[in-house]
């Protein structure tokens, strides 16, 4: 069976009910071109690689960003009186739950609903790696009565076990300090360096556990991590 010849849609007359032409063959190409340009413009719109403070935005907002060629992801942006870059919430754990007693792969992907009011949320190790390697970032670790701030923070990639590759000029409570070179540990992937212990399993949450045992009361507190992109001269 032979296939019918291709039909030129521009040669098909389009008429209204009264028989008058609706679109001429000269108009159709123009309209089709306009529609294709509009579609490509909306689909190809570039996403920012950091939080953007919209006019009238105060305190917090949820935005979608994209780092390089990675898949876009949503972040919680926090604003203060400083007109500089916003802080990004990457970890929020209320230790009265077991929400963070999860597998290594769950920590890589992230979990919890992205929202400024959610107290059980982790952006994911892969996203944290992308953010801290895309530009210099500082980190703020807050546990209600304790706080630690470092003006430089870099997380390694998957091959490196999402280790703390770099921290710099830290001040605050040493109980919250992240130790350089420590890999991320979970109950099913023990990287704490203690042969006779699995601190992630003992404490009930994944973390950059190391040979210095964490404060056992930490599990009853709210622990939050924020990162903030550091301004450069170009910005």
Protein backbone atom coordinates (compact mmCIF):
# COMPACT_ATOMS: atom_id res chain seq x y z
CA UNK A 1 0.00 0.00 0.00
CA UNK A 2 1.41 3.35 -1.00
CA UNK A 3 1.37 6.22 1.45
CA UNK A 4 -0.54 9.37 0.51
CA UNK A 5 1.44 12.36 -0.62
CA UNK A 6 2.39 14.90 2.00
CA UNK A 7 -0.19 17.62 2.49
CA UNK A 8 0.83 21.24 2.51
CA UNK A 9 -1.21 22.73 5.36
CA UNK A 10 -0.64 26.21 4.01
CA UNK A 11 -2.56 25.31 0.87
CA UNK A 12 -5.69 24.30 2.82
CA UNK A 13 -8.20 27.14 2.77
CA UNK A 14 -9.47 28.18 6.18
CA UNK A 15 -12.86 29.91 6.08
CA UNK A 16 -15.46 31.19 8.48
CA UNK A 17 -19.05 29.92 8.43
CA UNK A 18 -20.11 32.64 6.00
CA UNK A 19 -17.45 31.50 3.57
CA UNK A 20 -15.05 34.43 4.07
CA UNK A 21 -11.38 33.52 4.49
CA UNK A 22 -10.15 33.49 8.11
CA UNK A 23 -6.41 33.22 7.50
CA UNK A 24 -4.60 33.61 4.25
CA UNK A 25 -1.65 31.44 3.27
CA UNK A 26 0.53 34.56 3.71
CA UNK A 27 -0.48 34.99 7.35
CA UNK A 28 -0.03 31.41 8.53
CA UNK A 29 3.79 31.31 8.31
CA UNK A 30 4.03 34.54 10.30
CA UNK A 31 1.72 33.24 13.02
CA UNK A 32 3.52 29.88 13.22
CA UNK A 33 6.88 31.64 13.53
CA UNK A 34 5.57 33.89 16.30
CA UNK A 35 4.19 30.89 18.23
CA UNK A 36 7.47 28.97 17.97
CA UNK A 37 9.52 31.96 19.17
CA UNK A 38 7.16 32.50 22.11
CA UNK A 39 7.36 28.82 23.06
CA UNK A 40 11.16 28.69 22.89
CA UNK A 41 11.47 31.91 24.88
CA UNK A 42 9.34 30.55 27.70
CA UNK A 43 10.99 27.12 27.69
CA UNK A 44 14.57 28.38 27.44
CA UNK A 45 14.38 31.01 30.14
CA UNK A 46 17.51 30.70 32.26
CA UNK A 47 17.13 30.12 35.98
CA UNK A 48 19.36 32.00 38.46
CA UNK A 49 22.17 30.14 40.22
CA UNK A 50 21.45 31.85 43.53
CA UNK A 51 18.57 33.44 45.41
CA UNK A 52 17.26 36.63 43.82
CA UNK A 53 15.71 39.22 46.09
CA UNK A 54 12.49 40.29 44.38
CA UNK A 55 11.12 43.81 45.03
CA UNK A 56 9.01 43.81 48.16
CA UNK A 57 10.33 40.43 49.35
CA UNK A 58 11.18 40.30 53.01
CA UNK A 59 12.25 37.58 55.43
CA UNK A 60 11.93 34.38 53.36
CA UNK A 61 10.85 32.98 50.00
CA UNK A 62 11.04 29.72 48.03
CA UNK A 63 12.79 29.96 44.67
CA UNK A 64 13.98 27.60 41.95
CA UNK A 65 17.66 27.76 40.98
CA UNK A 66 20.01 25.84 38.71
CA UNK A 67 23.76 25.26 39.05
CA UNK A 68 25.41 24.77 35.67
CA UNK A 69 23.85 21.90 33.74
CA UNK A 70 22.37 20.25 36.82
CA UNK A 71 18.65 19.70 37.26
CA UNK A 72 16.84 22.73 38.75
CA UNK A 73 15.92 22.50 42.42
CA UNK A 74 14.04 24.63 44.93
CA UNK A 75 15.64 26.42 47.86
CA UNK A 76 14.49 28.43 50.86
CA UNK A 77 15.97 31.93 50.70
CA UNK A 78 16.33 33.95 53.88
CA UNK A 79 16.79 37.72 53.89
CA UNK A 80 17.91 40.16 56.52
CA UNK A 81 18.59 43.88 56.60
CA UNK A 82 21.85 43.32 54.74
CA UNK A 83 21.22 44.03 51.03
CA UNK A 84 23.77 41.38 50.04
CA UNK A 85 23.13 37.77 48.94
CA UNK A 86 20.44 35.80 50.72
CA UNK A 87 21.06 32.86 53.00
CA UNK A 88 19.95 29.42 51.76
CA UNK A 89 18.49 26.90 54.19
CA UNK A 90 20.16 23.53 53.58
CA UNK A 91 19.41 21.59 56.77
CA UNK A 92 16.70 21.86 59.41
CA UNK A 93 16.33 19.08 61.96
CA UNK A 94 14.16 19.05 65.04
CA UNK A 95 15.64 16.21 67.05
CA UNK A 96 12.40 15.09 68.67
CA UNK A 97 11.69 13.06 65.53
CA UNK A 98 13.50 10.29 63.64
CA UNK A 99 13.14 11.98 60.26
CA UNK A 100 16.92 12.19 59.81
CA UNK A 101 17.65 8.56 60.64
CA UNK A 102 17.76 7.80 56.91
CA UNK A 103 19.96 5.95 54.45
CA UNK A 104 23.00 7.37 52.74
CA UNK A 105 21.22 7.54 49.38
CA UNK A 106 18.33 9.48 50.90
CA UNK A 107 20.80 12.02 52.26
CA UNK A 108 22.44 12.31 48.84
CA UNK A 109 19.11 13.11 47.17
CA UNK A 110 17.66 15.19 50.01
CA UNK A 111 14.29 14.86 51.69
CA UNK A 112 11.50 16.85 53.28
CA UNK A 113 9.28 19.52 51.80
CA UNK A 114 11.01 22.72 50.72
CA UNK A 115 9.35 25.50 52.70
CA UNK A 116 10.34 28.16 55.19
CA UNK A 117 8.07 26.67 57.89
CA UNK A 118 9.33 23.08 57.54
CA UNK A 119 11.47 21.99 60.50
CA UNK A 120 12.40 18.63 58.91
CA UNK A 121 14.29 19.25 55.70
CA UNK A 122 17.64 18.49 54.04
CA UNK A 123 18.54 19.91 50.65
CA UNK A 124 20.69 16.87 49.82
CA UNK A 125 24.44 16.24 49.73
CA UNK A 126 24.64 16.50 45.95
CA UNK A 127 22.91 19.90 45.88
CA UNK A 128 25.05 21.09 48.78
CA UNK A 129 28.17 20.03 46.87
CA UNK A 130 27.00 21.89 43.75
CA UNK A 131 26.20 25.08 45.69
CA UNK A 132 29.43 25.28 47.68
CA UNK A 133 31.57 24.53 44.62
CA UNK A 134 29.81 26.96 42.26
CA UNK A 135 31.00 30.01 44.22
CA UNK A 136 32.55 30.79 47.63
CA UNK A 137 30.07 30.34 50.49
CA UNK A 138 30.07 30.90 54.21
CA UNK A 139 28.18 28.57 56.55
CA UNK A 140 26.11 29.20 59.67
CA UNK A 141 25.27 26.29 61.96
CA UNK A 142 22.63 27.15 64.54
CA UNK A 143 21.29 25.06 67.40
CA UNK A 144 19.16 27.55 69.31
CA UNK A 145 21.56 28.31 72.18
CA UNK A 146 24.71 27.58 70.14
CA UNK A 147 25.99 28.95 66.85
CA UNK A 148 29.04 28.42 64.67
CA UNK A 149 29.97 30.51 61.63
CA UNK A 150 32.74 29.92 59.07
CA UNK A 151 33.52 32.34 56.28
CA UNK A 152 34.42 29.51 53.89
CA UNK A 153 32.72 26.14 53.39
CA UNK A 154 33.15 23.52 50.64
CA UNK A 155 31.60 20.04 50.43
CA UNK A 156 33.24 17.40 48.24
CA UNK A 157 31.60 15.23 45.60
CA UNK A 158 30.21 11.71 45.81
CA UNK A 159 33.58 10.07 45.12
CA UNK A 160 35.00 12.04 48.03
CA UNK A 161 32.21 10.93 50.34
CA UNK A 162 30.76 14.46 50.45
CA UNK A 163 33.50 15.30 52.91
CA UNK A 164 34.04 18.72 54.42
CA UNK A 165 36.80 19.78 52.03
CA UNK A 166 37.34 23.23 53.45
CA UNK A 167 36.29 25.50 56.29
CA UNK A 168 37.90 28.76 57.24
CA UNK A 169 37.92 31.46 59.91
CA UNK A 170 35.32 29.76 62.10
CA UNK A 171 34.09 31.24 65.34
CA UNK A 172 31.34 30.37 67.78
CA UNK A 173 30.60 27.18 69.68
CA UNK A 174 33.16 24.41 68.94
CA UNK A 175 30.50 21.76 69.68
CA UNK A 176 29.04 22.54 66.25
CA UNK A 177 32.32 22.82 64.35
CA UNK A 178 32.67 20.78 61.16
CA UNK A 179 36.06 19.11 60.88
CA UNK A 180 37.93 19.32 57.59
CA UNK A 181 38.39 15.98 55.85
CA UNK A 182 35.47 14.22 57.55
CA UNK A 183 33.10 12.27 55.31
CA UNK A 184 29.34 12.18 55.75
CA UNK A 185 28.11 9.22 57.80
CA UNK A 186 24.78 7.44 58.05
CA UNK A 187 23.72 4.28 59.89
CA UNK A 188 24.22 2.26 56.69
CA UNK A 189 27.49 3.94 55.71
CA UNK A 190 29.80 4.42 58.69
CA UNK A 191 32.52 6.97 57.94
CA UNK A 192 33.17 8.37 61.44
CA UNK A 193 36.64 6.83 61.80
CA UNK A 194 35.80 4.98 65.04
CA UNK A 195 36.20 1.19 64.60
CA UNK A 196 34.04 0.31 67.59
CA UNK A 197 31.26 2.84 67.00
CA UNK A 198 28.71 3.89 64.43
CA UNK A 199 27.90 7.41 65.61
CA UNK A 200 25.20 7.97 63.00
CA UNK A 201 23.38 4.89 64.31
CA UNK A 202 24.01 5.77 67.96
CA UNK A 203 22.90 9.38 67.58
CA UNK A 204 20.04 8.58 65.21
CA UNK A 205 20.89 10.98 62.37
CA UNK A 206 23.29 11.36 59.45
CA UNK A 207 26.07 13.91 59.91
CA UNK A 208 29.77 14.63 59.44
CA UNK A 209 30.45 12.53 62.54
CA UNK A 210 34.08 12.21 63.58
CA UNK A 211 36.24 10.90 66.39
CA UNK A 212 35.06 13.68 68.70
CA UNK A 213 31.75 12.37 69.98
CA UNK A 214 28.95 14.93 69.55
CA UNK A 215 27.00 16.42 72.42
CA UNK A 216 24.38 13.72 73.28
CA UNK A 217 21.88 16.46 74.08
CA UNK A 218 22.09 17.68 70.47
CA UNK A 219 19.40 15.18 69.52
CA UNK A 220 16.89 17.13 71.60
CA UNK A 221 17.65 20.48 69.97
CA UNK A 222 16.87 22.06 66.65
CA UNK A 223 19.90 22.08 64.36
CA UNK A 224 19.90 24.26 61.26
CA UNK A 225 22.47 24.95 58.56
CA UNK A 226 22.40 28.01 56.34
CA UNK A 227 24.89 28.90 53.64
CA UNK A 228 25.43 32.30 52.11
CA UNK A 229 27.18 33.14 48.87
CA UNK A 230 30.05 35.53 49.39
CA UNK A 231 30.05 38.69 47.32
CA UNK A 232 32.88 39.23 44.86
CA UNK A 233 34.12 42.46 43.30
CA UNK A 234 32.26 41.61 40.09
CA UNK A 235 29.00 41.35 42.00
